[in-house]
Protein backbone atom coordinates (compact mmCIF):
# COMPACT_ATOMS: atom_id res chain seq x y z
CA UNK A 1 0.00 0.00 0.00
CA UNK A 2 2.03 2.94 -1.25
CA UNK A 3 1.14 6.49 -0.45
CA UNK A 4 2.66 9.58 -1.99
CA UNK A 5 4.33 11.85 0.49
CA UNK A 6 3.20 15.48 0.51
CA UNK A 7 5.52 18.40 -0.21
CA UNK A 8 5.50 19.58 3.40
CA UNK A 9 6.29 16.09 4.65
CA UNK A 10 9.15 15.84 2.16
CA UNK A 11 10.58 19.18 3.33
CA UNK A 12 10.38 18.07 6.97
CA UNK A 13 12.15 14.75 6.31
CA UNK A 14 14.92 16.32 4.19
CA UNK A 15 15.42 19.15 6.71
CA UNK A 16 15.67 16.61 9.51
CA UNK A 17 18.28 14.50 7.70
CA UNK A 18 20.48 17.49 6.87
CA UNK A 19 19.98 19.06 10.28
CA UNK A 20 20.88 15.95 12.27
CA UNK A 21 24.01 15.43 10.18
CA UNK A 22 25.13 19.02 10.78
CA UNK A 23 24.41 18.84 14.52
CA UNK A 24 26.32 15.55 14.80
CA UNK A 25 29.38 16.97 13.04
CA UNK A 26 29.42 20.21 15.06
CA UNK A 27 28.87 18.41 18.37
CA UNK A 28 31.45 15.70 17.89
CA UNK A 29 34.20 16.88 15.55
CA UNK A 30 37.64 17.40 17.06
CA UNK A 31 40.50 18.00 14.62
CA UNK A 32 43.01 16.08 16.74
CA UNK A 33 40.64 13.80 18.63
CA UNK A 34 42.27 11.22 20.89
CA UNK A 35 41.06 7.63 20.82
CA UNK A 36 39.43 8.22 24.21
CA UNK A 37 37.55 11.24 22.85
CA UNK A 38 36.49 9.55 19.62
CA UNK A 39 35.46 6.14 20.97
CA UNK A 40 34.27 7.14 24.46
CA UNK A 41 33.52 10.88 24.21
CA UNK A 42 36.44 11.60 26.56
CA UNK A 43 34.57 9.70 29.30
CA UNK A 44 32.56 12.85 29.96
CA UNK A 45 28.91 11.78 29.67
CA UNK A 46 26.34 12.40 32.40
CA UNK A 47 23.59 9.95 33.29
CA UNK A 48 20.60 11.55 31.46
CA UNK A 49 22.53 11.47 28.18
CA UNK A 50 23.67 7.89 28.82
CA UNK A 51 20.12 6.74 29.53
CA UNK A 52 18.67 8.29 26.38
CA UNK A 53 21.59 6.90 24.37
CA UNK A 54 20.95 3.36 25.63
CA UNK A 55 17.26 3.73 24.79
CA UNK A 56 17.88 5.07 21.28
CA UNK A 57 20.53 2.46 20.43
CA UNK A 58 17.86 -0.18 21.10
CA UNK A 59 14.84 1.37 19.35
CA UNK A 60 15.00 0.82 15.58
CA UNK A 61 12.48 1.16 12.77
CA UNK A 62 11.94 -2.59 13.04
CA UNK A 63 11.10 -1.94 16.67
CA UNK A 64 8.49 0.74 15.94
CA UNK A 65 6.76 -1.15 13.16
CA UNK A 66 7.17 -4.54 14.83
CA UNK A 67 5.72 -3.50 18.19
CA UNK A 68 2.63 -1.98 16.55
CA UNK A 69 2.31 -5.10 14.37
CA UNK A 70 2.65 -7.43 17.35
CA UNK A 71 0.27 -5.31 19.43
CA UNK A 72 -2.33 -5.81 16.69
CA UNK A 73 -1.64 -9.55 16.38
CA UNK A 74 -0.61 -10.69 19.88
CA UNK A 75 -1.57 -7.83 22.19
CA UNK A 76 0.22 -6.18 25.09
CA UNK A 77 2.06 -9.44 25.93
CA UNK A 78 4.74 -8.44 23.40
CA UNK A 79 5.43 -5.47 25.68
CA UNK A 80 7.25 -7.87 28.01
CA UNK A 81 10.26 -7.47 25.71
CA UNK A 82 10.27 -3.81 26.82
CA UNK A 83 9.40 -4.14 30.49
CA UNK A 84 11.69 -7.09 31.17
CA UNK A 85 14.51 -4.96 29.76
CA UNK A 86 14.04 -2.68 32.78
CA UNK A 87 15.12 -5.50 35.10
CA UNK A 88 18.16 -6.25 32.93
CA UNK A 89 19.12 -2.57 33.02
CA UNK A 90 18.90 -2.69 36.81
CA UNK A 91 21.39 -5.57 36.66
CA UNK A 92 23.65 -3.49 34.39
CA UNK A 93 23.57 -0.54 36.77
CA UNK A 94 23.88 -2.44 40.04
CA UNK A 95 25.88 -5.58 39.20
CA UNK A 96 27.97 -5.11 36.05
CA UNK A 97 28.69 -1.38 35.56
CA UNK A 98 30.86 -1.01 38.72
CA UNK A 99 33.43 -3.48 37.36
CA UNK A 100 33.33 -2.04 33.85
CA UNK A 101 34.00 1.45 35.19
CA UNK A 102 36.54 0.60 37.89
CA UNK A 103 38.71 -1.29 35.40
CA UNK A 104 38.63 1.65 32.93
CA UNK A 105 37.95 -0.71 30.05
CA UNK A 106 37.26 0.55 26.53
CA UNK A 107 35.43 -2.57 25.34
CA UNK A 108 33.54 -5.49 26.86
CA UNK A 109 35.99 -8.05 25.41
CA UNK A 110 38.69 -6.22 27.38
CA UNK A 111 36.82 -7.02 30.61
CA UNK A 112 36.55 -10.66 29.56
CA UNK A 113 40.33 -10.76 28.98
CA UNK A 114 40.96 -9.47 32.49
CA UNK A 115 38.57 -12.06 33.92
CA UNK A 116 39.31 -15.08 31.69
CA UNK A 117 42.30 -14.42 29.44
CA UNK A 118 43.07 -13.34 25.86
CA UNK A 119 41.27 -16.20 24.09
CA UNK A 120 37.93 -15.13 25.57
CA UNK A 121 38.58 -11.54 24.46
CA UNK A 122 39.33 -12.55 20.87
CA UNK A 123 36.26 -14.79 20.74
CA UNK A 124 33.91 -12.11 22.05
CA UNK A 125 35.31 -9.35 19.82
CA UNK A 126 34.68 -11.49 16.73
CA UNK A 127 31.11 -12.32 17.85
CA UNK A 128 30.32 -8.66 18.57
CA UNK A 129 31.67 -7.40 15.24
CA UNK A 130 29.73 -10.01 13.25
CA UNK A 131 26.46 -9.47 15.15
CA UNK A 132 26.73 -5.68 14.80
CA UNK A 133 27.43 -5.94 11.06
CA UNK A 134 24.82 -8.57 10.21
CA UNK A 135 21.99 -7.74 12.63
CA UNK A 136 22.36 -4.28 14.20
CA UNK A 137 23.19 -2.61 10.87
CA UNK A 138 22.54 -4.93 7.93
CA UNK A 139 19.11 -6.39 8.61
CA UNK A 140 17.90 -3.25 10.42
CA UNK A 141 18.92 -1.18 7.40
CA UNK A 142 17.04 -3.43 5.00
CA UNK A 143 13.87 -3.58 7.10
CA UNK A 144 13.90 0.17 7.75
CA UNK A 145 14.37 0.95 4.07
CA UNK A 146 11.50 -1.39 3.12
CA UNK A 147 9.28 0.36 5.63
CA UNK A 148 10.08 3.76 4.09
CA UNK A 149 9.39 2.31 0.63
CA UNK A 150 6.00 1.05 1.78
CA UNK A 151 5.10 4.22 3.67
CA UNK A 152 6.33 6.89 1.31
CA UNK A 153 7.08 5.24 -2.02
CA UNK A 154 10.85 5.84 -1.74
CA UNK A 155 12.74 2.97 -3.50
CA UNK A 156 14.44 0.97 -0.77
CA UNK A 157 17.89 1.09 -2.41
CA UNK A 158 17.78 4.91 -2.31
CA UNK A 159 16.85 4.73 1.36
CA UNK A 160 19.66 2.30 2.14
CA UNK A 161 22.27 4.48 0.44
CA UNK A 162 20.96 7.81 1.75
CA UNK A 163 20.51 6.77 5.37
CA UNK A 164 23.83 4.90 5.43
CA UNK A 165 25.82 7.81 4.03
CA UNK A 166 24.28 10.48 6.28
CA UNK A 167 24.60 8.39 9.45
CA UNK A 168 28.13 7.30 8.58
CA UNK A 169 29.30 10.87 7.91
CA UNK A 170 28.52 12.30 11.33
CA UNK A 171 29.41 9.08 13.18
CA UNK A 172 32.81 8.77 11.46
CA UNK A 173 33.60 12.47 11.87
CA UNK A 174 32.17 13.06 15.33
CA UNK A 175 32.60 9.74 17.15
CA UNK A 176 30.63 8.80 20.25
CA UNK A 177 29.88 12.39 21.31
CA UNK A 178 28.11 12.98 17.98
CA UNK A 179 26.17 9.76 18.51
CA UNK A 180 25.08 10.74 22.01
CA UNK A 181 24.04 14.31 21.17
CA UNK A 182 22.02 13.23 18.14
CA UNK A 183 20.50 10.42 20.19
CA UNK A 184 19.16 12.91 22.72
CA UNK A 185 17.44 14.86 19.92
CA UNK A 186 16.17 11.70 18.26
CA UNK A 187 14.76 10.36 21.54
CA UNK A 188 12.53 13.43 21.83
CA UNK A 189 11.39 13.15 18.21
CA UNK A 190 10.84 9.42 18.45
CA UNK A 191 8.81 9.49 21.66
CA UNK A 192 6.98 12.65 20.58
CA UNK A 193 5.85 11.10 17.30
CA UNK A 194 4.76 7.88 19.02
CA UNK A 195 2.84 9.88 21.65
CA UNK A 196 1.03 11.94 18.99
CA UNK A 197 -0.07 8.77 17.18
CA UNK A 198 -1.23 7.15 20.44
CA UNK A 199 -3.28 10.20 21.44
CA UNK A 200 -4.77 10.43 17.95
CA UNK A 201 -5.80 6.77 18.19
CA UNK A 202 -7.38 7.24 21.62
CA UNK A 203 -9.30 10.32 20.38
CA UNK A 204 -10.70 8.27 17.49
CA UNK A 205 -12.18 5.57 19.77
CA UNK A 206 -15.30 7.57 20.82
CA UNK A 207 -16.27 7.61 17.14
CA UNK A 208 -16.93 3.88 17.54
CA UNK A 209 -18.83 4.41 20.75
CA UNK A 210 -15.87 3.39 22.94
CA UNK A 211 -15.57 5.77 25.89
CA UNK A 212 -14.36 3.57 28.76
CA UNK A 213 -11.63 0.99 29.48
CA UNK A 214 -14.30 -1.73 29.84
CA UNK A 215 -15.71 -0.94 26.41
CA UNK A 216 -12.22 -0.86 24.92
CA UNK A 217 -11.39 -4.24 26.48
CA UNK A 218 -14.63 -5.70 25.15
CA UNK A 219 -13.71 -4.57 21.61
CA UNK A 220 -10.33 -6.33 21.81
CA UNK A 221 -9.57 -10.02 21.41
CA UNK A 222 -9.44 -12.14 24.61
CA UNK A 223 -6.14 -11.55 26.48
CA UNK A 224 -5.12 -8.78 24.03
CA UNK A 225 -4.71 -6.37 26.97
CA UNK A 226 -2.98 -8.88 29.25
CA UNK A 227 0.77 -8.85 29.87
CA UNK A 228 0.81 -12.34 31.42
CA UNK A 229 -0.36 -15.43 29.53
CA UNK A 230 -0.59 -19.13 30.51
CA UNK A 231 2.03 -21.70 29.56
CA UNK A 232 -0.15 -23.83 27.27
CA UNK A 233 -2.51 -22.84 24.49
CA UNK A 234 -5.97 -24.25 25.19
CA UNK A 235 -7.09 -23.13 21.73
CA UNK A 236 -5.07 -25.96 20.15
CA UNK A 237 -7.10 -29.12 20.86
CA UNK A 238 -5.69 -32.62 20.93
CA UNK A 239 -2.04 -31.77 21.65
CA UNK A 240 0.18 -30.12 24.24
CA UNK A 241 1.12 -26.72 22.81
CA UNK A 242 3.40 -24.24 24.58
CA UNK A 243 2.51 -20.58 24.09
CA UNK A 244 5.33 -18.59 22.54
CA UNK A 245 5.01 -15.65 24.95
CA UNK A 246 3.80 -17.44 28.09
CA UNK A 247 4.86 -16.20 31.53
CA UNK A 248 7.29 -19.15 31.70
CA UNK A 249 9.01 -18.22 28.43
CA UNK A 250 9.21 -14.56 29.39
CA UNK A 251 10.32 -15.07 32.99
CA UNK A 252 13.10 -17.57 32.23
CA UNK A 253 13.85 -17.05 28.55
CA UNK A 254 13.97 -13.26 28.24
CA UNK A 255 16.74 -12.64 30.84
CA UNK A 256 19.09 -14.91 28.87
CA UNK A 257 18.79 -12.73 25.77
CA UNK A 258 18.34 -9.58 27.88
CA UNK A 259 21.52 -9.92 29.95
CA UNK A 260 23.55 -10.57 26.79
CA UNK A 261 22.01 -7.60 24.99
CA UNK A 262 21.71 -5.01 27.77
CA UNK A 263 24.63 -5.94 30.03
CA UNK A 264 27.36 -7.30 27.72
CA UNK A 265 26.81 -6.12 24.12
CA UNK A 266 29.33 -3.47 23.05
CA UNK A 267 26.79 -1.54 20.97
CA UNK A 268 24.69 -0.91 24.07
CA UNK A 269 27.17 -0.81 26.96
CA UNK A 270 29.64 1.53 25.22
CA UNK A 271 27.50 4.44 26.46
CA UNK A 272 28.06 3.35 30.07
CA UNK A 273 31.82 3.04 29.48
CA UNK A 274 31.84 6.72 28.45
CA UNK A 275 30.42 7.92 31.78
CA UNK A 276 32.11 10.80 33.62
CA UNK A 277 31.78 8.99 36.95
CA UNK A 278 30.84 5.50 38.09
CA UNK A 279 27.60 6.91 39.50
CA UNK A 280 26.74 8.48 36.12
CA UNK A 281 27.25 5.14 34.39
CA UNK A 282 25.11 3.26 36.89
CA UNK A 283 22.37 5.91 37.02
CA UNK A 284 22.31 6.15 33.21
CA UNK A 285 21.67 2.42 32.88
CA UNK A 286 18.81 2.53 35.38
CA UNK A 287 17.36 5.70 33.82
CA UNK A 288 17.15 3.79 30.53
CA UNK A 289 15.06 1.24 32.46
CA UNK A 290 12.53 3.98 33.24
CA UNK A 291 12.41 4.93 29.56
CA UNK A 292 11.70 1.30 28.63
CA UNK A 293 8.32 1.61 30.39
CA UNK A 294 7.13 3.96 27.64
CA UNK A 295 7.12 1.73 24.51
CA UNK A 296 4.30 -0.45 25.89
CA UNK A 297 2.03 2.59 25.96
CA UNK A 298 3.44 4.47 22.97
CA UNK A 299 4.33 1.63 20.55
CA UNK A 300 2.49 -1.57 21.56
CA UNK A 301 -0.83 -0.05 22.71
CA UNK A 302 -1.26 1.79 19.36
CA UNK A 303 -1.23 -1.64 17.70
CA UNK A 304 -4.12 -2.74 19.93
CA UNK A 305 -5.95 0.51 19.18
CA UNK A 306 -5.29 -0.14 15.48
CA UNK A 307 -7.00 -3.53 15.84
CA UNK A 308 -10.11 -1.93 17.33
CA UNK A 309 -10.23 0.91 14.79
CA UNK A 310 -9.06 -0.71 11.55
CA UNK A 311 -9.22 -4.51 11.81
CA UNK A 312 -11.47 -4.59 8.72
CA UNK A 313 -8.89 -2.56 6.74
CA UNK A 314 -5.75 -4.27 8.06
CA UNK A 315 -7.13 -7.82 8.13
CA UNK A 316 -4.31 -10.35 8.45
CA UNK A 317 -1.61 -7.93 7.23
CA UNK A 318 -0.62 -6.90 10.75
CA UNK A 319 2.69 -5.41 9.53
CA UNK A 320 0.63 -2.63 7.90
CA UNK A 321 -0.80 -1.49 11.26
CA UNK A 322 1.48 1.52 11.80
CA UNK A 323 1.14 2.71 8.21
CA UNK A 324 -2.66 2.47 8.22
CA UNK A 325 -2.84 4.41 11.48
CA UNK A 326 -0.47 7.12 10.25
CA UNK A 327 -2.41 7.50 7.02
CA UNK A 328 -5.81 7.71 8.71
CA UNK A 329 -5.00 9.58 11.91
CA UNK A 330 -2.18 12.02 11.15
CA UNK A 331 -2.42 15.18 9.01
CA UNK A 332 0.26 16.29 6.58
CA UNK A 333 3.23 17.77 8.42
CA UNK A 334 2.68 15.60 11.47
CA UNK A 335 3.07 12.59 9.19
CA UNK A 336 6.41 14.04 8.09
CA UNK A 337 7.50 14.36 11.73
CA UNK A 338 6.52 10.72 12.27
CA UNK A 339 8.55 9.75 9.21
CA UNK A 340 11.49 11.63 10.69
CA UNK A 341 10.91 9.65 13.90
CA UNK A 342 11.17 6.41 11.94
CA UNK A 343 14.41 7.64 10.41
CA UNK A 344 15.65 8.68 13.86
CA UNK A 345 15.07 5.16 15.16
CA UNK A 346 16.93 3.58 12.27
CA UNK A 347 19.85 6.00 12.39
CA UNK A 348 20.28 5.60 16.16
CA UNK A 349 20.69 1.85 15.78
CA UNK A 350 23.15 2.16 12.90
CA UNK A 351 25.29 4.88 14.51
CA UNK A 352 25.60 2.95 17.78
CA UNK A 353 26.70 -0.21 15.97
CA UNK A 354 29.17 1.69 13.76
CA UNK A 355 30.86 3.33 16.73
CA UNK A 356 31.09 0.03 18.63
CA UNK A 357 32.63 -1.76 15.61
CA UNK A 358 35.19 1.03 15.20
CA UNK A 359 36.07 0.73 18.90
CA UNK A 360 36.31 -3.07 18.86
CA UNK A 361 38.55 -3.06 15.78
CA UNK A 362 40.92 -0.40 17.11
CA UNK A 363 41.08 -1.55 20.74
CA UNK A 364 40.64 -5.34 20.57
CA UNK A 365 42.44 -6.11 17.31
CA UNK A 366 44.86 -3.39 16.17
CA UNK A 367 46.04 -2.23 19.61
CA UNK A 368 46.63 -5.81 20.76
CA UNK A 369 48.53 -6.82 17.62
CA UNK A 370 50.50 -3.55 17.54
CA UNK A 371 50.58 -1.99 21.02
CA UNK A 372 52.79 0.88 19.86
CA UNK A 373 50.25 2.18 17.31
CA UNK A 374 49.97 5.99 17.72
CA UNK A 375 46.71 7.29 19.17
CA UNK A 376 45.89 9.35 16.07
CA UNK A 377 46.32 6.27 13.89
CA UNK A 378 43.90 4.29 16.09
CA UNK A 379 41.25 6.97 15.50
CA UNK A 380 41.95 6.88 11.75
CA UNK A 381 41.67 3.07 11.72
CA UNK A 382 38.38 3.32 13.63
CA UNK A 383 37.01 5.79 11.09
CA UNK A 384 38.14 3.75 8.09
CA UNK A 385 36.68 0.59 9.66
CA UNK A 386 33.31 2.31 10.16
CA UNK A 387 33.31 3.36 6.50
CA UNK A 388 34.17 -0.15 5.29
CA UNK A 389 31.50 -1.68 7.53
CA UNK A 390 28.85 0.68 6.15
CA UNK A 391 29.63 -0.51 2.63
CA UNK A 392 29.57 -4.18 3.68
CA UNK A 393 26.32 -3.67 5.58
CA UNK A 394 24.73 -1.99 2.56
CA UNK A 395 25.71 -4.96 0.38
CA UNK A 396 24.48 -7.46 2.99
CA UNK A 397 21.22 -5.54 3.52
CA UNK A 398 20.19 -6.17 -0.09
CA UNK A 399 19.95 -9.88 0.83
CA UNK A 400 17.41 -9.18 3.56
CA UNK A 401 14.49 -10.20 1.37
CA UNK A 402 15.76 -13.79 1.26
CA UNK A 403 14.74 -14.36 4.89
CA UNK A 404 11.33 -15.91 5.35
CA UNK A 405 10.82 -13.73 8.43
CA UNK A 406 13.27 -11.01 9.39
CA UNK A 407 11.87 -10.68 12.89
CA UNK A 408 12.15 -14.40 13.50
CA UNK A 409 15.70 -14.52 12.16
CA UNK A 410 16.79 -11.59 14.34
CA UNK A 411 15.31 -13.26 17.40
CA UNK A 412 16.85 -16.65 16.70
CA UNK A 413 20.33 -15.69 15.46
CA UNK A 414 21.52 -14.65 18.97
CA UNK A 415 20.77 -18.18 20.23
CA UNK A 416 24.07 -19.23 18.61
CA UNK A 417 26.03 -17.20 21.18
CA UNK A 418 23.86 -15.22 23.65
CA UNK A 419 23.25 -17.96 26.27
CA UNK A 420 26.99 -18.70 26.46
CA UNK A 421 27.90 -15.01 26.79
CA UNK A 422 25.27 -14.54 29.50
CA UNK A 423 26.74 -17.59 31.27
CA UNK A 424 30.33 -16.37 31.41
CA UNK A 425 29.45 -12.78 32.37
CA UNK A 426 26.78 -13.60 34.97
CA UNK A 427 28.72 -16.33 36.76
CA UNK A 428 31.93 -14.39 36.14
CA UNK A 429 30.82 -11.53 38.41
CA UNK A 430 29.10 -13.72 41.01
CA UNK A 431 31.31 -16.84 41.24
CA UNK A 432 35.03 -16.15 41.84
CA UNK A 433 35.85 -19.85 41.28
CA UNK A 434 34.94 -19.67 37.59
CA UNK A 435 38.04 -19.79 35.36
CA UNK A 436 39.17 -19.34 31.78
CA UNK A 437 38.86 -23.04 30.90
CA UNK A 438 35.23 -23.07 32.05
CA UNK A 439 34.45 -19.85 30.18
CA UNK A 440 35.90 -21.00 26.85
CA UNK A 441 34.23 -24.42 27.16
CA UNK A 442 30.84 -22.78 27.78
CA UNK A 443 31.25 -20.32 24.88
CA UNK A 444 32.34 -22.98 22.39
CA UNK A 445 29.63 -25.39 23.55
CA UNK A 446 26.92 -22.75 22.99
CA UNK A 447 28.24 -21.81 19.54
CA UNK A 448 28.29 -25.44 18.36
CA UNK A 449 24.84 -26.32 19.73
CA UNK A 450 23.45 -22.92 18.72
CA UNK A 451 24.54 -23.27 15.09
CA UNK A 452 22.92 -26.70 14.94
CA UNK A 453 19.73 -25.20 16.39
CA UNK A 454 19.72 -22.40 13.79
CA UNK A 455 20.35 -24.85 10.95
CA UNK A 456 17.29 -26.94 11.82
CA UNK A 457 14.94 -24.22 13.05
CA UNK A 458 15.31 -21.13 10.82
CA UNK A 459 15.56 -23.55 8.91
CA UNK A 460 18.78 -23.39 6.89
CA UNK A 461 18.37 -27.07 6.03
CA UNK A 462 15.04 -28.42 4.81
CA UNK A 463 11.74 -26.61 5.21
CA UNK A 464 10.47 -27.78 8.62
CA UNK A 465 11.07 -26.00 11.91
CA UNK A 466 11.76 -29.10 13.98
CA UNK A 467 12.12 -27.36 17.35
CA UNK A 468 9.47 -24.65 17.13
CA UNK A 469 6.80 -26.45 15.08
CA UNK A 470 7.37 -30.19 15.43
CA UNK A 471 8.37 -30.22 19.12
CA UNK A 472 6.45 -27.06 20.00
CA UNK A 473 9.31 -25.41 21.93
CA UNK A 474 9.35 -21.59 21.49
CA UNK A 475 12.72 -19.92 20.86
CA UNK A 476 12.57 -18.08 24.19
CA UNK A 477 12.53 -21.40 26.04
CA UNK A 478 15.36 -22.70 23.86
CA UNK A 479 17.47 -19.81 25.17
CA UNK A 480 16.75 -20.81 28.77
CA UNK A 481 17.66 -24.47 28.11
CA UNK A 482 20.90 -23.49 26.32
CA UNK A 483 21.81 -21.27 29.28
CA UNK A 484 21.28 -24.16 31.72
CA UNK A 485 23.45 -26.46 29.59
CA UNK A 486 26.17 -23.81 29.10
CA UNK A 487 26.16 -23.12 32.85
CA UNK A 488 26.59 -26.83 33.58
CA UNK A 489 29.60 -26.94 31.24
CA UNK A 490 31.01 -23.76 32.88
CA UNK A 491 30.74 -25.15 36.42
CA UNK A 492 31.97 -28.68 35.64
CA UNK A 493 35.03 -27.55 33.65
CA UNK A 494 35.89 -24.77 36.13
CA UNK A 495 35.78 -27.19 39.08
CA UNK A 496 37.87 -29.75 37.17
CA UNK A 497 40.66 -27.25 36.42
CA UNK A 498 42.80 -24.94 38.63
CA UNK A 499 41.06 -22.04 40.36
CA UNK A 500 42.10 -18.48 39.44
CA UNK A 501 44.35 -16.73 41.94
CA UNK A 502 43.11 -13.91 44.15
CA UNK A 503 45.15 -11.43 42.09
CA UNK A 504 43.53 -12.64 38.85
CA UNK A 505 39.99 -11.86 40.03
CA UNK A 506 40.63 -8.74 42.13
CA UNK A 507 38.13 -5.95 41.29
CA UNK A 508 36.54 -8.18 38.64
CA UNK A 509 33.76 -9.91 40.59
CA UNK A 510 31.69 -9.72 43.77
CA UNK A 511 33.10 -11.92 46.53
CA UNK A 512 29.60 -12.07 48.05
CA UNK A 513 26.44 -11.47 45.94
CA UNK A 514 24.92 -8.94 48.38
CA UNK A 515 28.05 -6.76 48.13
CA UNK A 516 26.42 -5.26 45.03
CA UNK A 517 23.85 -3.58 47.32
CA UNK A 518 26.27 -2.40 50.01
CA UNK A 519 28.30 0.79 50.15
CA UNK A 520 27.95 4.47 51.02
CA UNK A 521 24.85 6.33 49.78
CA UNK A 522 25.53 8.62 46.81
CA UNK A 523 22.91 11.32 47.01
CA UNK A 524 19.25 10.64 47.79
CA UNK A 525 16.94 9.80 44.90
CA UNK A 526 19.82 9.51 42.42
CA UNK A 527 21.69 6.82 44.35
CA UNK A 528 21.73 3.87 41.89
CA UNK A 529 20.21 1.52 44.46
CA UNK A 530 17.39 3.94 45.27
CA UNK A 531 16.65 4.54 41.56
CA UNK A 532 16.68 0.77 41.00
CA UNK A 533 14.37 0.09 43.97
CA UNK A 534 11.83 2.69 42.80
CA UNK A 535 11.92 1.29 39.26
CA UNK A 536 11.45 -2.25 40.61
CA UNK A 537 8.37 -1.19 42.59
CA UNK A 538 6.91 0.69 39.60
CA UNK A 539 7.32 -2.41 37.41
CA UNK A 540 5.63 -4.57 40.05
CA UNK A 541 2.64 -2.19 40.20
CA UNK A 542 2.35 -2.05 36.39
CA UNK A 543 2.39 -5.84 36.12
CA UNK A 544 -0.23 -6.08 38.86
CA UNK A 545 -2.50 -3.69 36.91
CA UNK A 546 -2.06 -5.33 33.49
CA UNK A 547 -1.77 -8.97 34.50
């Protein structure tokens, strides 16, 4: 369903693209930037900027369109991917960030080297670079460009080239500071556009005679407004069928992907590493948790509203939900701002991944192979790497249409490594006895089993999804089972090999789990533990209301 974009909308979109590029260059450019300035913004960021940066690095165009689509199809239950992230961000702020900051690391693989040795660092750097190239940039770029083609009739190849070039220019020139400043602007635009669409949808409901929550609930499908769903699907008679987004899958499966993504992935955590103080890094992570409350109301709920308003128009094409709502509810001009919001989401994801790849290449590869490399050359290598990656991602993104389901592929691909990474980081900070042999065994075990799982369940071989369809095991539960198996390997191998010395684990892990909650208060409401406790209570209340 193509729609021609109006002149005013076109002007708004073009002005936004040029404006954000100019702001990024001005904010970040330093003629003789050091590697610390380019990759980590001189470690000068305060917590509000860190929190918005974490939020924006996560929200992509796929996210906006996909949440509205899933809200229409599955209901608010898909919002668990947002709200469960808040708990993972609490873990980042309370458990992981102190060690990242105290060790003055530039990359997450660097922390893993300190904890487990150089092999673990090399392994993780390779995994991060490949996942950022293939998923964070490549597939996101393709999906975002296809959305713009559908919404505004812009050929997707033009979108891929235009968005890639503009984002790459200010990211390569300005480094992380450019990314963070533009993220703050894009967060306002993104949330503002989503809020306008939500309000417009709510204001349209009385036209159907819906003026109360009870009437709205009655117009929805059963359980469409529920965040918590049972384990089995009673609607499938004659066989035991596990629900894909049951409370069991969410409670045990999401943290495995969530800890990898929010607490250990370079693209996300790099913002925390750039904090001015340890408190800023910890508060920024938890502040992002507060922001993750919003997408349920501003991105998932509109999909449910779209079902009530336009189910006859949308039918089974749930991916068209956001477009139909924009076309029917937003006037010209506002639609252009919403389009700019979609671009903001896409560019935030790409810029974060580009900066993390540049950092990983310079710090974890070049600097290790050639320790004497001048600082200015490291920055140049980072910039050149970002440029090369953009070209590779553009080429890879043209293959995006070959996936049967992009969303499914993006969710399943991390199973080849995420449970193992969660294993070595989580037990690495809580169990001092864990060693390098256990860590490498767990990582390699997960990669081998994970690749086999992907081969038979995307599927890369044959045409049947043996795990998801034949056995009825949702991918979220697969992540939980892989984590349990990887943890068993980690513990068995660690206990069977020599323990690390006290010097090897000093300032790298908690000697007692509750130590993470101890220590002198740092301010009142902005103490990380206080912020985390308030967020935890808010999440409990929200779940109680929307259970």
